Amino acid sequence: MIMAFRIVVDPRAIDDIQQAIAFLDEKQPGLGKRFDAELNKFVLRLGKNPFFRIRYDSVRCLPLQKFPYMIHFTVDETKKLVTIQAIFHTSRDPENLKKRS
């Protein structure tokens, strides 16, 4: 499979992923692993086509299908680079993401 864009994951997004997995595993053992598998599918999708809707500033969002989380990312077309900035639960206020910058 050829990826048109290289994917870089911000360390804060890695923390988001780890927290989501831990939270979901507390709710139901194995749920975190299923979340991680779903997330990986969507990250691969971004590598092929990252041109999803811009939600705020230059940040685009891709919602997961089976979990209430969104991938927040930017695209640098010149460098063919997708930078994942956050994995955020959809019930949380995206203004919190702006404060992280």
PDB file of N, CA and C in Angstrom:
ATOM      1  N   MET A   1       0.848  -1.175   0.000  1.00  0.00           N
ATOM      2  CA  MET A   1       0.000   0.000   0.000  1.00  0.00           C
ATOM      3  C   MET A   1       0.897   1.242   0.000  1.00  0.00           C
ATOM      4  N   ILE A   2       0.645   2.130  -0.926  1.00  0.00           N
ATOM      5  CA  ILE A   2       1.435   3.346  -1.034  1.00  0.00           C
ATOM      6  C   ILE A   2       0.731   4.479  -0.312  1.00  0.00           C
ATOM      7  N   MET A   3       1.477   5.149   0.555  1.00  0.00           N
ATOM      8  CA  MET A   3       0.922   6.293   1.280  1.00  0.00           C
ATOM      9  C   MET A   3       1.359   7.556   0.547  1.00  0.00           C
ATOM     10  N   ALA A   4       0.413   8.390   0.226  1.00  0.00           N
ATOM     11  CA  ALA A   4       0.713   9.633  -0.468  1.00  0.00           C
ATOM     12  C   ALA A   4       1.311  10.661   0.491  1.00  0.00           C
ATOM     13  N   PHE A   5       0.943  10.558   1.779  1.00  0.00           N
ATOM     14  CA  PHE A   5       1.403  11.510   2.784  1.00  0.00           C
ATOM     15  C   PHE A   5       2.069  10.768   3.934  1.00  0.00           C
ATOM     16  N   ARG A   6       3.134  11.370   4.438  1.00  0.00           N
ATOM     17  CA  ARG A   6       3.805  10.833   5.617  1.00  0.00           C
ATOM     18  C   ARG A   6       3.020  11.300   6.843  1.00  0.00           C
ATOM     19  N   ILE A   7       2.920  10.453   7.851  1.00  0.00           N
ATOM     20  CA  ILE A   7       2.175  10.758   9.073  1.00  0.00           C
ATOM     21  C   ILE A   7       3.160  10.984  10.212  1.00  0.00           C
ATOM     22  N   VAL A   8       2.968  12.100  10.922  1.00  0.00           N
ATOM     23  CA  VAL A   8       3.738  12.373  12.136  1.00  0.00           C
ATOM     24  C   VAL A   8       2.725  12.572  13.258  1.00  0.00           C
ATOM     25  N   VAL A   9       2.988  11.952  14.396  1.00  0.00           N
ATOM     26  CA  VAL A   9       2.079  12.064  15.540  1.00  0.00           C
ATOM     27  C   VAL A   9       2.758  12.888  16.625  1.00  0.00           C
ATOM     28  N   ASP A  10       2.123  14.001  16.967  1.00  0.00           N
ATOM     29  CA  ASP A  10       2.620  14.881  18.032  1.00  0.00           C
ATOM     30  C   ASP A  10       2.647  14.094  19.345  1.00  0.00           C
ATOM     31  N   PRO A  11       3.671  14.311  20.187  1.00  0.00           N
ATOM     32  CA  PRO A  11       3.727  13.596  21.473  1.00  0.00           C
ATOM     33  C   PRO A  11       2.466  13.783  22.326  1.00  0.00           C
ATOM     34  N   ARG A  12       1.824  14.936  22.234  1.00  0.00           N
ATOM     35  CA  ARG A  12       0.583  15.153  23.001  1.00  0.00           C
ATOM     36  C   ARG A  12      -0.538  14.261  22.476  1.00  0.00           C
ATOM     37  N   ALA A  13      -0.536  13.992  21.176  1.00  0.00           N
ATOM     38  CA  ALA A  13      -1.535  13.082  20.612  1.00  0.00           C
ATOM     39  C   ALA A  13      -1.272  11.653  21.065  1.00  0.00           C
ATOM     40  N   ILE A  14       0.000  11.292  21.209  1.00  0.00           N
ATOM     41  CA  ILE A  14       0.339   9.966  21.733  1.00  0.00           C
ATOM     42  C   ILE A  14      -0.198   9.834  23.158  1.00  0.00           C
ATOM     43  N   ASP A  15      -0.054  10.890  23.956  1.00  0.00           N
ATOM     44  CA  ASP A  15      -0.631  10.888  25.307  1.00  0.00           C
ATOM     45  C   ASP A  15      -2.150  10.725  25.248  1.00  0.00           C
ATOM     46  N   ASP A  16      -2.787  11.434  24.303  1.00  0.00           N
ATOM     47  CA  ASP A  16      -4.240  11.318  24.140  1.00  0.00           C
ATOM     48  C   ASP A  16      -4.639   9.871  23.875  1.00  0.00           C
ATOM     49  N   ILE A  17      -3.893   9.220  23.001  1.00  0.00           N
ATOM     50  CA  ILE A  17      -4.186   7.829  22.630  1.00  0.00           C
ATOM     51  C   ILE A  17      -4.036   6.918  23.848  1.00  0.00           C
ATOM     52  N   GLN A  18      -2.938   7.089  24.575  1.00  0.00           N
ATOM     53  CA  GLN A  18      -2.699   6.247  25.753  1.00  0.00           C
ATOM     54  C   GLN A  18      -3.790   6.453  26.801  1.00  0.00           C
ATOM     55  N   GLN A  19      -4.203   7.696  27.002  1.00  0.00           N
ATOM     56  CA  GLN A  19      -5.267   7.978  27.968  1.00  0.00           C
ATOM     57  C   GLN A  19      -6.595   7.367  27.522  1.00  0.00           C
ATOM     58  N   ALA A  20      -6.890   7.463  26.230  1.00  0.00           N
ATOM     59  CA  ALA A  20      -8.143   6.891  25.711  1.00  0.00           C
ATOM     60  C   ALA A  20      -8.151   5.372  25.884  1.00  0.00           C
ATOM     61  N   ILE A  21      -7.034   4.741  25.565  1.00  0.00           N
ATOM     62  CA  ILE A  21      -6.947   3.284  25.705  1.00  0.00           C
ATOM     63  C   ILE A  21      -7.144   2.878  27.163  1.00  0.00           C
ATOM     64  N   ALA A  22      -6.477   3.566  28.082  1.00  0.00           N
ATOM     65  CA  ALA A  22      -6.609   3.252  29.511  1.00  0.00           C
ATOM     66  C   ALA A  22      -8.055   3.466  29.971  1.00  0.00           C
ATOM     67  N   PHE A  23      -8.664   4.564  29.558  1.00  0.00           N
ATOM     68  CA  PHE A  23     -10.044   4.871  29.941  1.00  0.00           C
ATOM     69  C   PHE A  23     -11.000   3.791  29.416  1.00  0.00           C
ATOM     70  N   LEU A  24     -10.832   3.421  28.160  1.00  0.00           N
ATOM     71  CA  LEU A  24     -11.733   2.429  27.564  1.00  0.00           C
ATOM     72  C   LEU A  24     -11.532   1.049  28.174  1.00  0.00           C
ATOM     73  N   ASP A  25     -10.284   0.691  28.490  1.00  0.00           N
ATOM     74  CA  ASP A  25     -10.019  -0.602  29.123  1.00  0.00           C
ATOM     75  C   ASP A  25     -10.601  -0.684  30.530  1.00  0.00           C
ATOM     76  N   GLU A  26     -10.684   0.468  31.203  1.00  0.00           N
ATOM     77  CA  GLU A  26     -11.339   0.490  32.516  1.00  0.00           C
ATOM     78  C   GLU A  26     -12.824   0.182  32.375  1.00  0.00           C
ATOM     79  N   LYS A  27     -13.413   0.708  31.324  1.00  0.00           N
ATOM     80  CA  LYS A  27     -14.844   0.480  31.085  1.00  0.00           C
ATOM     81  C   LYS A  27     -15.123  -0.973  30.713  1.00  0.00           C
ATOM     82  N   GLN A  28     -14.253  -1.508  29.856  1.00  0.00           N
ATOM     83  CA  GLN A  28     -14.427  -2.891  29.404  1.00  0.00           C
ATOM     84  C   GLN A  28     -13.073  -3.424  28.941  1.00  0.00           C
ATOM     85  N   PRO A  29     -12.568  -4.491  29.561  1.00  0.00           N
ATOM     86  CA  PRO A  29     -11.287  -5.045  29.138  1.00  0.00           C
ATOM     87  C   PRO A  29     -11.291  -5.370  27.638  1.00  0.00           C
ATOM     88  N   GLY A  30     -10.238  -4.955  26.949  1.00  0.00           N
ATOM     89  CA  GLY A  30     -10.118  -5.211  25.513  1.00  0.00           C
ATOM     90  C   GLY A  30     -10.660  -4.084  24.641  1.00  0.00           C
ATOM     91  N   LEU A  31     -11.443  -3.185  25.224  1.00  0.00           N
ATOM     92  CA  LEU A  31     -12.025  -2.092  24.441  1.00  0.00           C
ATOM     93  C   LEU A  31     -10.937  -1.129  23.950  1.00  0.00           C
ATOM     94  N   GLY A  32      -9.917  -0.917  24.751  1.00  0.00           N
ATOM     95  CA  GLY A  32      -8.807  -0.058  24.347  1.00  0.00           C
ATOM     96  C   GLY A  32      -8.083  -0.601  23.131  1.00  0.00           C
ATOM     97  N   LYS A  33      -7.921  -1.917  23.090  1.00  0.00           N
ATOM     98  CA  LYS A  33      -7.262  -2.556  21.948  1.00  0.00           C
ATOM     99  C   LYS A  33      -8.103  -2.378  20.683  1.00  0.00           C
ATOM    100  N   ARG A  34      -9.416  -2.502  20.815  1.00  0.00           N
ATOM    101  CA  ARG A  34     -10.303  -2.297  19.661  1.00  0.00           C
ATOM    102  C   ARG A  34     -10.252  -0.845  19.188  1.00  0.00           C
ATOM    103  N   PHE A  35     -10.189   0.094  20.148  1.00  0.00           N
ATOM    104  CA  PHE A  35     -10.048   1.512  19.807  1.00  0.00           C
ATOM    105  C   PHE A  35      -8.758   1.735  19.028  1.00  0.00           C
ATOM    106  N   ASP A  36      -7.664   1.169  19.505  1.00  0.00           N
ATOM    107  CA  ASP A  36      -6.367   1.340  18.858  1.00  0.00           C
ATOM    108  C   ASP A  36      -6.388   0.801  17.425  1.00  0.00           C
ATOM    109  N   ALA A  37      -7.029  -0.347  17.227  1.00  0.00           N
ATOM    110  CA  ALA A  37      -7.132  -0.926  15.879  1.00  0.00           C
ATOM    111  C   ALA A  37      -7.949  -0.014  14.958  1.00  0.00           C
ATOM    112  N   GLU A  38      -9.061   0.510  15.474  1.00  0.00           N
ATOM    113  CA  GLU A  38      -9.896   1.432  14.697  1.00  0.00           C
ATOM    114  C   GLU A  38      -9.113   2.698  14.353  1.00  0.00           C
ATOM    115  N   LEU A  39      -8.414   3.225  15.332  1.00  0.00           N
ATOM    116  CA  LEU A  39      -7.625   4.435  15.122  1.00  0.00           C
ATOM    117  C   LEU A  39      -6.573   4.205  14.034  1.00  0.00           C
ATOM    118  N   ASN A  40      -5.891   3.083  14.085  1.00  0.00           N
ATOM    119  CA  ASN A  40      -4.866   2.781  13.084  1.00  0.00           C
ATOM    120  C   ASN A  40      -5.434   2.722  11.675  1.00  0.00           C
ATOM    121  N   LYS A  41      -6.640   2.169  11.523  1.00  0.00           N
ATOM    122  CA  LYS A  41      -7.291   2.140  10.203  1.00  0.00           C
ATOM    123  C   LYS A  41      -7.495   3.558   9.671  1.00  0.00           C
ATOM    124  N   PHE A  42      -7.932   4.451  10.547  1.00  0.00           N
ATOM    125  CA  PHE A  42      -8.217   5.813  10.127  1.00  0.00           C
ATOM    126  C   PHE A  42      -6.938   6.600   9.860  1.00  0.00           C
ATOM    127  N   VAL A  43      -5.875   6.310  10.596  1.00  0.00           N
ATOM    128  CA  VAL A  43      -4.591   6.963  10.342  1.00  0.00           C
ATOM    129  C   VAL A  43      -4.067   6.543   8.966  1.00  0.00           C
ATOM    130  N   LEU A  44      -4.215   5.279   8.622  1.00  0.00           N
ATOM    131  CA  LEU A  44      -3.811   4.821   7.284  1.00  0.00           C
ATOM    132  C   LEU A  44      -4.626   5.526   6.204  1.00  0.00           C
ATOM    133  N   ARG A  45      -5.891   5.748   6.472  1.00  0.00           N
ATOM    134  CA  ARG A  45      -6.751   6.465   5.531  1.00  0.00           C
ATOM    135  C   ARG A  45      -6.222   7.887   5.311  1.00  0.00           C
ATOM    136  N   LEU A  46      -5.775   8.532   6.393  1.00  0.00           N
ATOM    137  CA  LEU A  46      -5.208   9.881   6.275  1.00  0.00           C
ATOM    138  C   LEU A  46      -3.969   9.895   5.390  1.00  0.00           C
ATOM    139  N   GLY A  47      -3.182   8.849   5.456  1.00  0.00           N
ATOM    140  CA  GLY A  47      -1.984   8.764   4.632  1.00  0.00           C
ATOM    141  C   GLY A  47      -2.303   8.743   3.146  1.00  0.00           C
ATOM    142  N   LYS A  48      -3.460   8.209   2.807  1.00  0.00           N
ATOM    143  CA  LYS A  48      -3.880   8.144   1.405  1.00  0.00           C
ATOM    144  C   LYS A  48      -4.572   9.423   0.958  1.00  0.00           C
ATOM    145  N   ASN A  49      -5.428   9.971   1.836  1.00  0.00           N
ATOM    146  CA  ASN A  49      -6.201  11.163   1.484  1.00  0.00           C
ATOM    147  C   ASN A  49      -6.541  11.947   2.755  1.00  0.00           C
ATOM    148  N   PRO A  50      -5.781  12.998   3.029  1.00  0.00           N
ATOM    149  CA  PRO A  50      -6.013  13.747   4.272  1.00  0.00           C
ATOM    150  C   PRO A  50      -6.939  14.962   4.117  1.00  0.00           C
ATOM    151  N   PHE A  51      -7.572  15.092   2.976  1.00  0.00           N
ATOM    152  CA  PHE A  51      -8.306  16.334   2.716  1.00  0.00           C
ATOM    153  C   PHE A  51      -9.738  16.290   3.230  1.00  0.00           C
ATOM    154  N   PHE A  52      -9.847  16.175   4.543  1.00  0.00           N
ATOM    155  CA  PHE A  52     -11.144  16.230   5.205  1.00  0.00           C
ATOM    156  C   PHE A  52     -11.410  17.674   5.601  1.00  0.00           C
ATOM    157  N   ARG A  53     -12.597  17.936   6.014  1.00  0.00           N
ATOM    158  CA  ARG A  53     -13.063  19.293   6.307  1.00  0.00           C
ATOM    159  C   ARG A  53     -12.198  20.005   7.351  1.00  0.00           C
ATOM    160  N   ILE A  54     -11.889  21.264   7.079  1.00  0.00           N
ATOM    161  CA  ILE A  54     -11.197  22.097   8.062  1.00  0.00           C
ATOM    162  C   ILE A  54     -12.230  22.535   9.089  1.00  0.00           C
ATOM    163  N   ARG A  55     -11.942  22.255  10.357  1.00  0.00           N
ATOM    164  CA  ARG A  55     -12.899  22.561  11.421  1.00  0.00           C
ATOM    165  C   ARG A  55     -12.613  23.903  12.085  1.00  0.00           C
ATOM    166  N   TYR A  56     -11.345  24.214  12.291  1.00  0.00           N
ATOM    167  CA  TYR A  56     -10.966  25.480  12.911  1.00  0.00           C
ATOM    168  C   TYR A  56      -9.523  25.779  12.534  1.00  0.00           C
ATOM    169  N   ASP A  57      -9.216  27.067  12.385  1.00  0.00           N
ATOM    170  CA  ASP A  57      -7.896  27.496  11.920  1.00  0.00           C
ATOM    171  C   ASP A  57      -7.531  26.661  10.691  1.00  0.00           C
ATOM    172  N   SER A  58      -6.411  25.966  10.740  1.00  0.00           N
ATOM    173  CA  SER A  58      -6.039  25.098   9.613  1.00  0.00           C
ATOM    174  C   SER A  58      -6.163  23.626  10.005  1.00  0.00           C
ATOM    175  N   VAL A  59      -6.841  23.364  11.115  1.00  0.00           N
ATOM    176  CA  VAL A  59      -6.951  22.001  11.648  1.00  0.00           C
ATOM    177  C   VAL A  59      -8.150  21.288  11.030  1.00  0.00           C
ATOM    178  N   ARG A  60      -7.868  20.107  10.537  1.00  0.00           N
ATOM    179  CA  ARG A  60      -8.908  19.248   9.954  1.00  0.00           C
ATOM    180  C   ARG A  60      -9.251  18.170  10.977  1.00  0.00           C
ATOM    181  N   CYS A  61     -10.432  17.584  10.828  1.00  0.00           N
ATOM    182  CA  CYS A  61     -10.864  16.540  11.757  1.00  0.00           C
ATOM    183  C   CYS A  61     -11.423  15.351  10.990  1.00  0.00           C
ATOM    184  N   LEU A  62     -11.124  14.189  11.506  1.00  0.00           N
ATOM    185  CA  LEU A  62     -11.669  12.945  10.963  1.00  0.00           C
ATOM    186  C   LEU A  62     -12.252  12.158  12.132  1.00  0.00           C
ATOM    187  N   PRO A  63     -13.579  11.998  12.159  1.00  0.00           N
ATOM    188  CA  PRO A  63     -14.180  11.233  13.257  1.00  0.00           C
ATOM    189  C   PRO A  63     -14.015   9.728  13.042  1.00  0.00           C
ATOM    190  N   LEU A  64     -13.778   9.021  14.137  1.00  0.00           N
ATOM    191  CA  LEU A  64     -13.775   7.561  14.074  1.00  0.00           C
ATOM    192  C   LEU A  64     -15.225   7.100  13.957  1.00  0.00           C
ATOM    193  N   GLN A  65     -15.429   5.921  13.423  1.00  0.00           N
ATOM    194  CA  GLN A  65     -16.799   5.434  13.244  1.00  0.00           C
ATOM    195  C   GLN A  65     -17.342   4.732  14.479  1.00  0.00           C
ATOM    196  N   LYS A  66     -16.524   3.929  15.119  1.00  0.00           N
ATOM    197  CA  LYS A  66     -17.016   3.076  16.202  1.00  0.00           C
ATOM    198  C   LYS A  66     -16.802   3.657  17.596  1.00  0.00           C
ATOM    199  N   PHE A  67     -16.071   4.761  17.676  1.00  0.00           N
ATOM    200  CA  PHE A  67     -15.779   5.384  18.963  1.00  0.00           C
ATOM    201  C   PHE A  67     -16.006   6.892  18.838  1.00  0.00           C
ATOM    202  N   PRO A  68     -16.422   7.548  19.914  1.00  0.00           N
ATOM    203  CA  PRO A  68     -16.711   8.985  19.850  1.00  0.00           C
ATOM    204  C   PRO A  68     -15.453   9.855  19.978  1.00  0.00           C
ATOM    205  N   TYR A  69     -14.513   9.621  19.089  1.00  0.00           N
ATOM    206  CA  TYR A  69     -13.263  10.373  19.081  1.00  0.00           C
ATOM    207  C   TYR A  69     -13.032  10.936  17.693  1.00  0.00           C
ATOM    208  N   MET A  70     -12.271  12.043  17.647  1.00  0.00           N
ATOM    209  CA  MET A  70     -11.879  12.645  16.378  1.00  0.00           C
ATOM    210  C   MET A  70     -10.369  12.791  16.329  1.00  0.00           C
ATOM    211  N   ILE A  71      -9.829  12.567  15.148  1.00  0.00           N
ATOM    212  CA  ILE A  71      -8.414  12.835  14.899  1.00  0.00           C
ATOM    213  C   ILE A  71      -8.331  14.286  14.432  1.00  0.00           C
ATOM    214  N   HIS A  72      -7.547  15.096  15.123  1.00  0.00           N
ATOM    215  CA  HIS A  72      -7.332  16.497  14.756  1.00  0.00           C
ATOM    216  C   HIS A  72      -5.933  16.583  14.136  1.00  0.00           C
ATOM    217  N   PHE A  73      -5.855  17.119  12.925  1.00  0.00           N
ATOM    218  CA  PHE A  73      -4.584  17.092  12.208  1.00  0.00           C
ATOM    219  C   PHE A  73      -4.452  18.269  11.242  1.00  0.00           C
ATOM    220  N   THR A  74      -3.222  18.515  10.832  1.00  0.00           N
ATOM    221  CA  THR A  74      -2.952  19.515   9.810  1.00  0.00           C
ATOM    222  C   THR A  74      -2.279  18.823   8.629  1.00  0.00           C
ATOM    223  N   VAL A  75      -2.358  19.480   7.480  1.00  0.00           N
ATOM    224  CA  VAL A  75      -1.779  18.936   6.253  1.00  0.00           C
ATOM    225  C   VAL A  75      -0.824  19.968   5.659  1.00  0.00           C
ATOM    226  N   ASP A  76       0.379  19.530   5.367  1.00  0.00           N
ATOM    227  CA  ASP A  76       1.337  20.345   4.631  1.00  0.00           C
ATOM    228  C   ASP A  76       1.468  19.697   3.252  1.00  0.00           C
ATOM    229  N   GLU A  77       0.781  20.300   2.272  1.00  0.00           N
ATOM    230  CA  GLU A  77       0.771  19.712   0.928  1.00  0.00           C
ATOM    231  C   GLU A  77       2.145  19.729   0.286  1.00  0.00           C
ATOM    232  N   THR A  78       2.919  20.765   0.547  1.00  0.00           N
ATOM    233  CA  THR A  78       4.249  20.890  -0.050  1.00  0.00           C
ATOM    234  C   THR A  78       5.165  19.755   0.412  1.00  0.00           C
ATOM    235  N   LYS A  79       5.131  19.480   1.711  1.00  0.00           N
ATOM    236  CA  LYS A  79       5.989  18.431   2.279  1.00  0.00           C
ATOM    237  C   LYS A  79       5.331  17.052   2.246  1.00  0.00           C
ATOM    238  N   LYS A  80       4.065  17.009   1.789  1.00  0.00           N
ATOM    239  CA  LYS A  80       3.315  15.735   1.793  1.00  0.00           C
ATOM    240  C   LYS A  80       3.323  15.136   3.201  1.00  0.00           C
ATOM    241  N   LEU A  81       2.900  15.983   4.161  1.00  0.00           N
ATOM    242  CA  LEU A  81       2.999  15.625   5.571  1.00  0.00           C
ATOM    243  C   LEU A  81       1.672  15.872   6.289  1.00  0.00           C
ATOM    244  N   VAL A  82       1.227  14.882   7.028  1.00  0.00           N
ATOM    245  CA  VAL A  82       0.065  15.008   7.912  1.00  0.00           C
ATOM    246  C   VAL A  82       0.593  14.962   9.340  1.00  0.00           C
ATOM    247  N   THR A  83       0.247  15.976  10.127  1.00  0.00           N
ATOM    248  CA  THR A  83       0.660  16.002  11.532  1.00  0.00           C
ATOM    249  C   THR A  83      -0.577  15.830  12.399  1.00  0.00           C
ATOM    250  N   ILE A  84      -0.650  14.714  13.094  1.00  0.00           N
ATOM    251  CA  ILE A  84      -1.755  14.464  14.010  1.00  0.00           C
ATOM    252  C   ILE A  84      -1.451  15.203  15.299  1.00  0.00           C
ATOM    253  N   GLN A  85      -2.331  16.136  15.640  1.00  0.00           N
ATOM    254  CA  GLN A  85      -2.111  16.981  16.808  1.00  0.00           C
ATOM    255  C   GLN A  85      -2.839  16.490  18.044  1.00  0.00           C
ATOM    256  N   ALA A  86      -3.961  15.798  17.841  1.00  0.00           N
ATOM    257  CA  ALA A  86      -4.736  15.350  18.996  1.00  0.00           C
ATOM    258  C   ALA A  86      -5.691  14.244  18.577  1.00  0.00           C
ATOM    259  N   ILE A  87      -6.026  13.422  19.546  1.00  0.00           N
ATOM    260  CA  ILE A  87      -7.110  12.446  19.433  1.00  0.00           C
ATOM    261  C   ILE A  87      -8.041  12.833  20.564  1.00  0.00           C
ATOM    262  N   PHE A  88      -9.189  13.366  20.212  1.00  0.00           N
ATOM    263  CA  PHE A  88     -10.017  14.067  21.187  1.00  0.00           C
ATOM    264  C   PHE A  88     -11.422  13.486  21.233  1.00  0.00           C
ATOM    265  N   HIS A  89     -11.929  13.238  22.431  1.00  0.00           N
ATOM    266  CA  HIS A  89     -13.302  12.750  22.591  1.00  0.00           C
ATOM    267  C   HIS A  89     -14.260  13.826  22.089  1.00  0.00           C
ATOM    268  N   THR A  90     -15.281  13.421  21.374  1.00  0.00           N
ATOM    269  CA  THR A  90     -16.182  14.386  20.735  1.00  0.00           C
ATOM    270  C   THR A  90     -17.017  15.182  21.727  1.00  0.00           C
ATOM    271  N   SER A  91     -17.111  14.739  22.967  1.00  0.00           N
ATOM    272  CA  SER A  91     -17.895  15.504  23.955  1.00  0.00           C
ATOM    273  C   SER A  91     -17.070  16.632  24.581  1.00  0.00           C
ATOM    274  N   ARG A  92     -15.771  16.646  24.322  1.00  0.00           N
ATOM    275  CA  ARG A  92     -14.906  17.679  24.901  1.00  0.00           C
ATOM    276  C   ARG A  92     -14.890  18.919  24.017  1.00  0.00           C
ATOM    277  N   ASP A  93     -14.654  20.042  24.624  1.00  0.00           N
ATOM    278  CA  ASP A  93     -14.639  21.323  23.926  1.00  0.00           C
ATOM    279  C   ASP A  93     -13.336  21.474  23.147  1.00  0.00           C
ATOM    280  N   PRO A  94     -13.405  21.657  21.804  1.00  0.00           N
ATOM    281  CA  PRO A  94     -12.178  21.807  21.026  1.00  0.00           C
ATOM    282  C   PRO A  94     -11.369  23.050  21.387  1.00  0.00           C
ATOM    283  N   GLU A  95     -11.975  23.985  22.119  1.00  0.00           N
ATOM    284  CA  GLU A  95     -11.218  25.143  22.583  1.00  0.00           C
ATOM    285  C   GLU A  95     -10.050  24.697  23.462  1.00  0.00           C
ATOM    286  N   ASN A  96     -10.218  23.561  24.155  1.00  0.00           N
ATOM    287  CA  ASN A  96      -9.134  23.032  24.982  1.00  0.00           C
ATOM    288  C   ASN A  96      -7.904  22.686  24.144  1.00  0.00           C
ATOM    289  N   LEU A  97      -8.128  22.282  22.894  1.00  0.00           N
ATOM    290  CA  LEU A  97      -7.002  21.961  22.014  1.00  0.00           C
ATOM    291  C   LEU A  97      -6.212  23.216  21.685  1.00  0.00           C
ATOM    292  N   LYS A  98      -6.909  24.322  21.451  1.00  0.00           N
ATOM    293  CA  LYS A  98      -6.220  25.560  21.115  1.00  0.00           C
ATOM    294  C   LYS A  98      -5.313  26.008  22.249  1.00  0.00           C
ATOM    295  N   LYS A  99      -5.701  25.704  23.475  1.00  0.00           N
ATOM    296  CA  LYS A  99      -4.905  26.083  24.638  1.00  0.00           C
ATOM    297  C   LYS A  99      -3.618  25.270  24.737  1.00  0.00           C
ATOM    298  N   ARG A 100      -3.601  24.104  24.110  1.00  0.00           N
ATOM    299  CA  ARG A 100      -2.412  23.238  24.156  1.00  0.00           C
ATOM    300  C   ARG A 100      -1.294  23.758  23.274  1.00  0.00           C
ATOM    301  N   SER A 101      -1.606  24.536  22.276  1.00  0.00           N
ATOM    302  CA  SER A 101      -0.604  24.979  21.286  1.00  0.00           C
ATOM    303  C   SER A 101       0.500  25.802  21.918  1.00  0.00           C
TER     304      SER A 101
END
